[in-house]
Amino acid sequence: MSNFIGAYDNLLSEFDCDNAINQFELMSVNKPTLFDKGSEQFRDGKLGRSDESIYITMDYFDLSLYKNIHASLNNALIKYMEEYHILKKLSLISTTIKLQKTVVGGGYSTWHHEAENHASSDRVLAWIAYLNDLPDCEGETEFLYQHK
């Protein structure tokens, strides 16, 4: 691991990944008011954002799956803290899970950071869990300063 970026394969089972994708699709039809259309985030729509996302809670999501996702993230955090011991001294909480669907060729094509406002100013860590596999060169997450 370098540049503070940890990557942990297969933390969530294939079954849970498929289940999360199915839940996302069902919720997009049954609870569309909970969805954020990335293309609507900016007034002029010119920043190249093309995705859909939802913040999931136990109220709207399969409880067993919700717990499995949290357990998987916790397992990744434990591995990450083995590398960066200083984090063991902090009281870390995860209050939100955001599921995002990005279509092929879509995404968030603007450099940004994760602590963008007062509500997220205390953020210590951010995580991304990919629920599907893509062939090489068909998807990426770039980190500007880490050149990755």
Protein backbone atom coordinates (compact mmCIF):
# COMPACT_ATOMS: atom_id res chain seq x y z
CA MET A 1 0.00 0.00 0.00
CA SER A 2 1.30 3.43 -0.80
CA ASN A 3 0.00 7.00 -0.81
CA PHE A 4 -2.57 6.08 1.86
CA ILE A 5 -4.72 4.22 -0.68
CA GLY A 6 -5.73 0.75 0.48
CA ALA A 7 -7.17 -1.81 -1.92
CA TYR A 8 -8.80 -4.99 -0.63
CA ASP A 9 -10.30 -7.46 -3.07
CA ASN A 10 -13.39 -9.58 -2.48
CA LEU A 11 -14.42 -8.15 0.88
CA LEU A 12 -18.08 -8.45 -0.05
CA SER A 13 -19.38 -11.71 -1.46
CA GLU A 14 -20.52 -11.94 -5.07
CA PHE A 15 -24.00 -12.70 -3.73
CA ASP A 16 -24.06 -9.50 -1.66
CA CYS A 17 -22.70 -7.44 -4.56
CA ASP A 18 -25.44 -8.76 -6.85
CA ASN A 19 -28.02 -8.21 -4.12
CA ALA A 20 -26.91 -4.59 -3.62
CA ILE A 21 -27.12 -3.94 -7.36
CA ASN A 22 -30.62 -5.48 -7.45
CA GLN A 23 -31.72 -3.42 -4.43
CA PHE A 24 -30.40 -0.30 -6.14
CA GLU A 25 -32.37 -1.05 -9.30
CA LEU A 26 -35.57 -1.79 -7.33
CA MET A 27 -35.23 1.39 -5.33
CA SER A 28 -34.70 3.47 -8.45
CA VAL A 29 -38.18 2.40 -9.55
CA ASN A 30 -39.99 2.20 -6.21
CA LYS A 31 -38.43 5.15 -4.37
CA PRO A 32 -37.20 7.56 -7.05
CA THR A 33 -37.40 10.55 -4.70
CA LEU A 34 -34.45 9.14 -2.74
CA PHE A 35 -32.21 9.22 -5.81
CA ASP A 36 -29.67 11.83 -6.79
CA LYS A 37 -29.18 12.30 -10.51
CA GLY A 38 -25.54 13.30 -10.84
CA SER A 39 -26.24 15.17 -14.06
CA GLU A 40 -28.49 17.54 -12.08
CA GLN A 41 -25.87 18.46 -9.47
CA PHE A 42 -24.58 21.52 -11.31
CA ARG A 43 -26.83 24.20 -12.78
CA ASP A 44 -25.21 24.32 -16.18
CA GLY A 45 -24.76 20.55 -16.39
CA LYS A 46 -21.37 21.04 -18.02
CA LEU A 47 -19.07 19.36 -15.51
CA GLY A 48 -19.50 15.93 -17.01
CA ARG A 49 -21.21 14.10 -14.20
CA SER A 50 -23.19 11.05 -15.33
CA ASP A 51 -24.32 8.77 -12.54
CA GLU A 52 -27.14 8.00 -10.11
CA SER A 53 -26.69 7.57 -6.39
CA ILE A 54 -28.63 6.91 -3.24
CA TYR A 55 -27.75 7.16 0.43
CA ILE A 56 -29.01 3.96 2.01
CA THR A 57 -30.31 3.52 5.51
CA MET A 58 -31.79 0.60 7.38
CA ASP A 59 -35.23 2.10 6.71
CA TYR A 60 -35.07 1.55 2.97
CA PHE A 61 -32.62 -1.27 2.45
CA ASP A 62 -32.45 -4.98 3.19
CA LEU A 63 -31.20 -5.09 6.80
CA SER A 64 -29.10 -8.22 6.36
CA LEU A 65 -27.36 -6.76 3.32
CA TYR A 66 -26.86 -3.43 5.09
CA LYS A 67 -25.14 -5.23 7.98
CA ASN A 68 -22.98 -7.29 5.58
CA ILE A 69 -21.80 -4.14 3.81
CA HIS A 70 -20.92 -2.51 7.14
CA ALA A 71 -19.10 -5.67 8.30
CA SER A 72 -17.11 -5.79 5.06
CA LEU A 73 -16.14 -2.13 5.38
CA ASN A 74 -15.13 -2.73 8.98
CA ASN A 75 -12.89 -5.62 7.88
CA ALA A 76 -11.20 -3.31 5.37
CA LEU A 77 -10.79 -0.65 8.04
CA ILE A 78 -9.12 -3.13 10.39
CA LYS A 79 -6.64 -4.06 7.64
CA TYR A 80 -6.02 -0.39 6.88
CA MET A 81 -5.43 0.43 10.55
CA GLU A 82 -2.82 -2.35 10.71
CA GLU A 83 -0.84 -0.27 8.21
CA TYR A 84 -1.62 3.13 9.77
CA HIS A 85 -1.65 2.56 13.54
CA ILE A 86 -2.37 6.20 14.39
CA LEU A 87 -5.98 5.62 13.30
CA LYS A 88 -6.47 3.21 16.20
CA LYS A 89 -6.44 6.20 18.54
CA LEU A 90 -9.41 7.83 16.80
CA SER A 91 -13.08 7.17 17.36
CA LEU A 92 -14.23 6.43 13.82
CA ILE A 93 -17.86 6.07 12.75
CA SER A 94 -19.54 5.46 9.42
CA THR A 95 -22.90 7.14 9.30
CA THR A 96 -23.74 6.84 5.62
CA ILE A 97 -23.50 4.35 2.81
CA LYS A 98 -23.84 5.80 -0.64
CA LEU A 99 -24.49 3.49 -3.56
CA GLN A 100 -23.68 4.95 -6.94
CA LYS A 101 -24.34 3.58 -10.39
CA THR A 102 -22.10 4.84 -13.15
CA VAL A 103 -22.93 3.88 -16.70
CA VAL A 104 -20.19 2.86 -19.12
CA GLY A 105 -18.50 6.03 -20.28
CA GLY A 106 -20.07 8.02 -17.43
CA GLY A 107 -18.76 9.16 -14.10
CA TYR A 108 -17.70 12.23 -12.22
CA SER A 109 -15.17 13.87 -14.51
CA THR A 110 -14.18 16.79 -12.31
CA TRP A 111 -11.40 16.82 -9.71
CA HIS A 112 -12.93 17.14 -6.27
CA HIS A 113 -12.24 16.30 -2.64
CA GLU A 114 -14.36 14.53 -0.06
CA ALA A 115 -14.51 17.24 2.63
CA GLU A 116 -16.37 19.82 0.59
CA ASN A 117 -18.58 21.48 3.19
CA HIS A 118 -19.11 21.92 6.92
CA ALA A 119 -21.07 18.65 7.21
CA SER A 120 -18.09 16.64 5.92
CA SER A 121 -15.26 18.77 7.32
CA ASP A 122 -14.41 16.24 10.05
CA ARG A 123 -14.08 13.39 7.56
CA VAL A 124 -10.96 11.33 8.18
CA LEU A 125 -11.41 8.50 5.67
CA ALA A 126 -13.44 7.90 2.55
CA TRP A 127 -14.06 4.53 0.96
CA ILE A 128 -15.14 3.14 -2.39
CA ALA A 129 -16.43 -0.39 -2.87
CA TYR A 130 -16.85 -1.58 -6.44
CA LEU A 131 -19.73 -4.04 -6.76
CA ASN A 132 -18.95 -5.26 -10.24
CA ASP A 133 -15.94 -6.19 -12.32
CA LEU A 134 -15.13 -4.42 -15.54
CA PRO A 135 -12.74 -5.44 -18.27
CA ASP A 136 -9.40 -3.60 -18.20
CA CYS A 137 -9.53 0.05 -19.21
CA GLU A 138 -13.32 0.32 -18.94
CA GLY A 139 -13.46 1.95 -15.52
CA GLU A 140 -11.18 3.84 -13.23
CA THR A 141 -10.85 5.99 -10.17
CA GLU A 142 -8.06 8.53 -10.39
CA PHE A 143 -6.33 10.18 -7.45
CA LEU A 144 -4.88 13.52 -8.54
CA TYR A 145 -1.99 13.92 -6.13
CA GLN A 146 -1.12 10.26 -5.82
CA HIS A 147 -0.88 9.90 -9.61
CA LYS A 148 -2.95 6.71 -9.46
